[in-house]
Amino acid sequence: MQRDHGGNLDEAQNRFGHGVWIDLSTGINRRPWPVPAISGDAWRNLPTRKAESRLIDVAAKWYGCAPEQLLPVAGASAAIQLLPRILPVGRAAVLTPTYNEHAASLSAAGWQVTQVPDVADMAGADLAVVVNPNNPDGREWAPQALRDLAGQVGHLVVDESFADPRPDLSLARDLPANCTLMRSFGKFWGLAGVRLGFVVGAPDLLAQITQAAGPWSVNGPALQIASAAMADLVWADDTVTYHAEAALRLDHLALGAGWTQAGGTHLFRLYETADATAAQERLARAHIWSRRFPYSTQWLRLGVPGNRAEWNRVIAVLKP
């Protein structure tokens, strides 16, 4: 199964030349949390239980769940790869179009995967996977709708990687017993290189994931950085406000370029263009990288620019 992703700047540079690129292909926050100096102990020593517990406490407050329901992992991608190998193999329904890694990892683990367009088509599946809000179109489902779905399937996995600006969408505060959540740290805090994510779920399932992931699956600098970042509520509030306003600004520019707004979240926007390949190449000639999708000749996804210089470059390309 094809596994295409954003962030493939090597491809962009090989095709359009080297230089100062703006990578808007991923939906990762371009205004990252400012990382302070990391202690020498975090670099020199293996992570401690105390450091991990500190992060779990901070993250549990952020998500609104109990600490025993929360497990740090080496990125949400680690959970996407591990869960299909831990849960009993059967029939899986993946709500699509969405992040292609879910269906690919399930297929690789031996699941019979059906990709469906609506949650109503998921009833009876042994496993249902929903991304909320969805990537790339930003579709969203109210928590009660997903709780209802949990009652119709064997196990429900909800990928909430883009839900940090939308806590109203999260199931973490009232999680059904047969539901597991995936959360990403790198996207909202803009620090994808930290390679950190979380699984929210039943303690017995978290224990199985811990066993499968092995010891010290999250490094010491990641624990230290995330503990401080997730406790910085002033930064988080300012970031949500910026992206709410900036997303509307980007939509306005896209409309002026003749594109149609087709969805999105705080961190990325999706547009329908006459020709997505031509639109991507138009941006790439100015060293701005965007995301196309193999299943659509018209959809183009753009992350939100992070500063005045980035905005000026995007405006210069998209102005009528």
Protein backbone atom coordinates (compact mmCIF):
# COMPACT_ATOMS: atom_id res chain seq x y z
CA MET A 1 0.00 0.00 0.00
CA GLN A 2 1.35 3.43 -0.99
CA ARG A 3 2.70 5.53 1.88
CA ASP A 4 3.11 9.07 0.59
CA HIS A 5 3.84 11.83 3.11
CA GLY A 6 4.49 15.53 3.35
CA GLY A 7 7.85 16.86 4.48
CA ASN A 8 9.72 15.34 1.55
CA LEU A 9 11.93 18.38 1.00
CA ASP A 10 14.61 16.28 -0.68
CA GLU A 11 12.21 15.75 -3.58
CA ALA A 12 11.42 19.45 -3.73
CA GLN A 13 15.09 20.45 -3.72
CA ASN A 14 16.02 17.88 -6.36
CA ARG A 15 13.30 19.17 -8.66
CA PHE A 16 13.33 22.91 -7.99
CA GLY A 17 16.78 23.65 -6.60
CA HIS A 18 18.35 24.31 -3.24
CA GLY A 19 17.82 27.47 -1.26
CA VAL A 20 15.76 28.73 1.66
CA TRP A 21 12.59 26.64 1.57
CA ILE A 22 9.37 27.14 3.50
CA ASP A 23 7.93 23.70 4.21
CA LEU A 24 4.15 24.06 4.34
CA SER A 25 3.57 20.45 3.32
CA THR A 26 3.21 18.91 6.78
CA GLY A 27 0.79 20.95 8.88
CA ILE A 28 3.44 21.26 11.60
CA ASN A 29 3.30 24.58 13.47
CA ARG A 30 5.75 27.03 11.87
CA ARG A 31 5.90 29.01 15.16
CA PRO A 32 7.44 26.36 17.45
CA TRP A 33 7.58 26.53 21.20
CA PRO A 34 10.95 28.15 22.10
CA VAL A 35 13.16 25.34 23.40
CA PRO A 36 15.50 26.43 26.22
CA ALA A 37 18.87 24.87 26.99
CA ILE A 38 18.55 21.17 27.78
CA SER A 39 20.27 19.88 30.90
CA GLY A 40 23.41 17.81 30.53
CA ASP A 41 21.80 14.98 32.50
CA ALA A 42 19.05 14.68 29.89
CA TRP A 43 21.69 14.13 27.21
CA ARG A 44 24.11 11.96 29.17
CA ASN A 45 21.84 9.65 31.13
CA LEU A 46 19.06 7.24 30.30
CA PRO A 47 15.57 8.67 31.00
CA THR A 48 14.39 8.31 34.59
CA ARG A 49 11.00 7.20 35.89
CA LYS A 50 10.75 10.59 37.58
CA ALA A 51 11.19 12.46 34.29
CA GLU A 52 8.59 10.29 32.56
CA SER A 53 6.14 10.66 35.46
CA ARG A 54 6.55 14.43 35.37
CA LEU A 55 5.63 14.50 31.69
CA ILE A 56 2.68 12.15 32.21
CA ASP A 57 1.28 14.41 34.93
CA VAL A 58 1.61 17.55 32.79
CA ALA A 59 0.19 15.87 29.68
CA ALA A 60 -2.71 14.32 31.58
CA LYS A 61 -3.74 17.79 32.76
CA TRP A 62 -3.51 19.10 29.20
CA TYR A 63 -5.64 16.27 27.77
CA GLY A 64 -7.99 15.97 30.73
CA CYS A 65 -7.44 12.28 31.38
CA ALA A 66 -6.12 10.29 34.35
CA PRO A 67 -2.33 9.78 34.43
CA GLU A 68 -2.75 5.99 34.42
CA GLN A 69 -4.56 6.31 31.07
CA LEU A 70 -1.60 8.02 29.39
CA LEU A 71 1.56 6.62 27.81
CA PRO A 72 4.33 8.63 26.08
CA VAL A 73 5.61 6.98 22.89
CA ALA A 74 8.16 7.83 20.21
CA GLY A 75 5.71 9.85 18.13
CA ALA A 76 2.09 9.16 17.21
CA SER A 77 3.59 7.21 14.32
CA ALA A 78 4.94 4.66 16.80
CA ALA A 79 1.43 4.04 18.10
CA ILE A 80 0.11 3.72 14.55
CA GLN A 81 2.64 0.94 13.90
CA LEU A 82 2.30 -0.83 17.27
CA LEU A 83 -1.45 -0.99 17.86
CA PRO A 84 -2.30 -3.16 14.82
CA ARG A 85 0.22 -5.72 16.09
CA ILE A 86 -1.16 -5.75 19.63
CA LEU A 87 -4.92 -5.84 19.05
CA PRO A 88 -6.44 -9.15 17.84
CA VAL A 89 -6.33 -9.18 14.03
CA GLY A 90 -9.67 -9.00 12.24
CA ARG A 91 -11.69 -6.64 10.06
CA ALA A 92 -10.75 -2.96 10.20
CA ALA A 93 -12.64 0.02 8.82
CA VAL A 94 -10.68 3.23 8.23
CA LEU A 95 -12.57 6.47 7.61
CA THR A 96 -11.13 7.98 4.43
CA PRO A 97 -9.70 9.97 2.81
CA THR A 98 -7.24 10.39 5.65
CA TYR A 99 -3.64 9.92 6.73
CA ASN A 100 -2.62 6.87 4.72
CA GLU A 101 -0.36 5.33 7.37
CA HIS A 102 -3.31 3.90 9.31
CA ALA A 103 -4.54 1.62 6.52
CA ALA A 104 -0.99 0.77 5.48
CA SER A 105 0.13 -0.30 8.96
CA LEU A 106 -3.04 -2.33 9.50
CA SER A 107 -2.58 -4.14 6.20
CA ALA A 108 1.06 -4.85 7.01
CA ALA A 109 -0.04 -6.44 10.31
CA GLY A 110 -2.48 -8.79 8.56
CA TRP A 111 -5.76 -6.92 9.05
CA GLN A 112 -8.51 -7.01 6.43
CA VAL A 113 -8.88 -3.29 5.77
CA THR A 114 -11.89 -1.53 4.29
CA GLN A 115 -11.72 2.20 3.62
CA VAL A 116 -15.11 3.85 4.11
CA PRO A 117 -16.38 7.42 3.58
CA ASP A 118 -18.71 7.72 6.58
CA VAL A 119 -18.84 6.59 10.21
CA ALA A 120 -22.20 4.94 9.49
CA ASP A 121 -20.31 2.45 7.31
CA MET A 122 -18.08 1.33 10.20
CA ALA A 123 -20.66 -0.50 12.32
CA GLY A 124 -19.75 -4.13 12.93
CA ALA A 125 -16.01 -3.73 12.31
CA ASP A 126 -13.60 -5.35 14.74
CA LEU A 127 -11.61 -2.13 14.63
CA ALA A 128 -12.61 1.36 13.47
CA VAL A 129 -10.09 4.16 12.87
CA VAL A 130 -11.18 7.80 12.78
CA VAL A 131 -8.90 10.85 12.56
CA ASN A 132 -10.52 13.78 14.38
CA PRO A 133 -10.16 16.46 13.14
CA ASN A 134 -9.40 14.68 9.92
CA ASN A 135 -6.31 15.05 7.81
CA PRO A 136 -6.44 16.42 5.10
CA ASP A 137 -10.00 17.79 4.91
CA GLY A 138 -10.52 18.85 8.52
CA ARG A 139 -13.81 16.98 8.95
CA GLU A 140 -14.72 16.66 12.61
CA TRP A 141 -16.99 14.54 14.75
CA ALA A 142 -18.51 15.44 18.09
CA PRO A 143 -17.36 13.26 21.00
CA GLN A 144 -20.85 11.81 21.51
CA ALA A 145 -21.00 10.67 17.88
CA LEU A 146 -17.74 8.77 18.41
CA ARG A 147 -18.93 7.30 21.71
CA ASP A 148 -21.97 6.02 19.84
CA LEU A 149 -19.66 4.52 17.22
CA ALA A 150 -17.60 2.83 19.95
CA GLY A 151 -20.75 0.95 20.94
CA GLN A 152 -21.05 -0.46 17.41
CA VAL A 153 -17.49 -1.75 16.86
CA GLY A 154 -15.07 -4.04 18.63
CA HIS A 155 -12.44 -1.35 19.25
CA LEU A 156 -12.30 2.31 18.26
CA VAL A 157 -9.04 4.14 17.56
CA VAL A 158 -9.24 7.92 17.27
CA ASP A 159 -6.21 9.79 15.99
CA GLU A 160 -6.39 13.23 17.61
CA SER A 161 -3.03 14.45 16.31
CA PHE A 162 -4.49 17.81 15.23
CA ALA A 163 -6.91 18.24 18.16
CA ASP A 164 -4.76 20.34 20.53
CA PRO A 165 -6.40 23.62 19.44
CA ARG A 166 -9.82 21.89 19.71
CA PRO A 167 -10.15 20.25 23.14
CA ASP A 168 -13.92 20.22 22.62
CA LEU A 169 -13.43 17.41 20.08
CA SER A 170 -11.38 15.12 22.30
CA LEU A 171 -12.65 11.92 23.90
CA ALA A 172 -9.92 12.00 26.55
CA ARG A 173 -12.12 13.32 29.37
CA ASP A 174 -14.70 10.56 28.99
CA LEU A 175 -13.07 7.67 27.16
CA PRO A 176 -15.11 4.56 26.33
CA ALA A 177 -13.54 1.34 27.62
CA ASN A 178 -12.96 0.02 24.08
CA CYS A 179 -11.43 3.23 22.74
CA THR A 180 -7.78 4.27 22.29
CA LEU A 181 -6.60 7.76 21.39
CA MET A 182 -3.41 8.80 19.62
CA ARG A 183 -1.98 12.26 20.23
CA SER A 184 0.96 14.06 18.63
CA PHE A 185 3.29 16.45 20.44
CA GLY A 186 5.29 17.60 17.42
CA LYS A 187 2.47 19.16 15.39
CA PHE A 188 0.94 21.76 17.71
CA TRP A 189 4.17 22.60 19.53
CA GLY A 190 6.05 22.66 16.22
CA LEU A 191 8.78 20.27 17.35
CA ALA A 192 8.45 17.22 15.12
CA GLY A 193 12.13 16.40 15.61
CA VAL A 194 11.45 15.56 19.27
CA ARG A 195 9.58 12.45 18.01
CA LEU A 196 7.03 12.34 20.81
CA GLY A 197 3.41 11.32 20.98
CA PHE A 198 0.95 9.84 23.46
CA VAL A 199 -1.51 6.99 23.66
CA VAL A 200 -4.60 7.46 25.83
CA GLY A 201 -6.37 4.24 26.68
CA ALA A 202 -7.00 1.39 29.07
CA PRO A 203 -4.04 0.69 31.41
CA ASP A 204 -3.84 -2.99 30.38
CA LEU A 205 -3.50 -2.04 26.71
CA LEU A 206 -0.90 0.62 27.57
CA ALA A 207 1.07 -2.09 29.37
CA GLN A 208 1.09 -4.17 26.19
CA ILE A 209 2.28 -1.19 24.15
CA THR A 210 5.04 -0.55 26.68
CA GLN A 211 6.16 -4.15 26.37
CA ALA A 212 6.16 -3.97 22.57
CA ALA A 213 7.97 -0.61 22.43
CA GLY A 214 10.75 -1.73 24.76
CA PRO A 215 12.57 0.23 27.47
CA TRP A 216 13.47 3.92 27.08
CA SER A 217 11.30 4.38 24.01
CA VAL A 218 11.16 8.14 24.68
CA ASN A 219 14.48 9.95 25.07
CA GLY A 220 15.44 12.20 27.97
CA PRO A 221 15.56 15.52 26.05
CA ALA A 222 12.07 14.83 24.69
CA LEU A 223 10.73 14.27 28.22
CA GLN A 224 12.30 17.50 29.45
CA ILE A 225 11.21 19.63 26.49
CA ALA A 226 7.63 18.38 26.44
CA SER A 227 7.16 18.70 30.21
CA ALA A 228 7.97 22.41 29.99
CA ALA A 229 6.16 23.05 26.70
CA MET A 230 2.88 21.41 27.69
CA ALA A 231 2.81 23.39 30.94
CA ASP A 232 3.18 26.71 29.08
CA LEU A 233 -0.51 27.59 28.82
CA VAL A 234 0.11 31.23 27.88
CA TRP A 235 2.08 30.14 24.81
CA ALA A 236 -0.64 27.62 23.93
CA ASP A 237 -3.43 30.20 24.14
CA ASP A 238 -1.47 32.67 22.01
CA THR A 239 -0.74 29.95 19.46
CA VAL A 240 -4.39 28.92 19.10
CA THR A 241 -5.38 32.57 18.61
CA TYR A 242 -2.67 33.16 16.00
CA HIS A 243 -3.60 30.11 13.96
CA ALA A 244 -7.33 30.78 14.08
CA GLU A 245 -6.74 34.20 12.53
CA ALA A 246 -3.91 33.12 10.21
CA ALA A 247 -5.95 30.27 8.74
CA LEU A 248 -8.62 32.76 7.66
CA ARG A 249 -5.94 34.99 6.14
CA LEU A 250 -4.56 32.08 4.14
CA ASP A 251 -8.07 31.18 2.95
CA HIS A 252 -8.51 34.75 1.71
CA LEU A 253 -5.25 34.58 -0.27
CA ALA A 254 -6.22 31.24 -1.77
CA LEU A 255 -9.61 32.60 -2.82
CA GLY A 256 -7.83 35.45 -4.58
CA ALA A 257 -5.68 32.91 -6.41
CA GLY A 258 -8.81 31.24 -7.78
CA TRP A 259 -8.80 28.28 -5.40
CA THR A 260 -11.75 27.02 -3.35
CA GLN A 261 -11.55 26.35 0.36
CA ALA A 262 -12.13 22.61 0.85
CA GLY A 263 -11.47 22.16 4.57
CA GLY A 264 -8.67 22.24 7.09
CA THR A 265 -7.75 22.78 10.73
CA HIS A 266 -5.93 25.45 12.71
CA LEU A 267 -2.57 24.13 11.45
CA PHE A 268 -3.29 23.45 7.78
CA ARG A 269 -5.77 24.35 5.05
CA LEU A 270 -7.04 22.29 2.13
CA TYR A 271 -7.87 23.86 -1.24
CA GLU A 272 -9.46 22.66 -4.44
CA THR A 273 -7.54 23.91 -7.43
CA ALA A 274 -7.97 23.51 -11.17
CA ASP A 275 -4.73 21.50 -11.27
CA ALA A 276 -2.96 20.54 -8.04
CA THR A 277 0.30 19.68 -9.82
CA ALA A 278 0.43 23.10 -11.47
CA ALA A 279 -0.47 24.81 -8.18
CA GLN A 280 2.25 22.96 -6.30
CA GLU A 281 4.83 23.78 -8.96
CA ARG A 282 3.81 27.45 -8.89
CA LEU A 283 4.62 27.57 -5.19
CA ALA A 284 7.71 25.39 -5.51
CA ARG A 285 9.34 27.76 -8.00
CA ALA A 286 9.35 30.23 -5.09
CA HIS A 287 10.72 27.50 -2.79
CA ILE A 288 7.44 27.00 -0.93
CA TRP A 289 6.60 23.31 -0.56
CA SER A 290 3.00 22.11 -0.38
CA ARG A 291 1.22 18.76 -0.35
CA ARG A 292 -0.61 16.96 -3.13
CA PHE A 293 -2.49 13.68 -2.77
CA PRO A 294 -2.37 10.64 -5.05
CA TYR A 295 -6.16 10.24 -4.99
CA SER A 296 -7.00 13.80 -6.09
CA THR A 297 -5.83 15.86 -9.06
CA GLN A 298 -7.27 19.03 -7.50
CA TRP A 299 -6.57 18.99 -3.76
CA LEU A 300 -3.62 20.96 -2.39
CA ARG A 301 -2.82 21.28 1.33
CA LEU A 302 -0.91 24.20 2.81
CA GLY A 303 0.34 24.68 6.33
CA VAL A 304 -0.01 28.11 7.93
CA PRO A 305 2.99 30.46 7.47
CA GLY A 306 4.75 31.36 10.69
CA ASN A 307 6.13 34.89 10.35
CA ARG A 308 6.06 38.06 8.26
CA ALA A 309 8.82 36.89 5.89
CA GLU A 310 6.98 33.65 5.16
CA TRP A 311 3.69 35.46 4.63
CA ASN A 312 5.33 37.90 2.22
CA ARG A 313 6.66 35.05 0.10
CA VAL A 314 3.30 33.28 0.00
CA ILE A 315 1.50 36.54 -0.85
CA ALA A 316 3.95 37.22 -3.69
CA VAL A 317 3.08 33.86 -5.27
CA LEU A 318 -0.68 33.87 -4.71
CA LYS A 319 -1.49 37.49 -5.46
CA PRO A 320 -3.79 37.87 -8.52
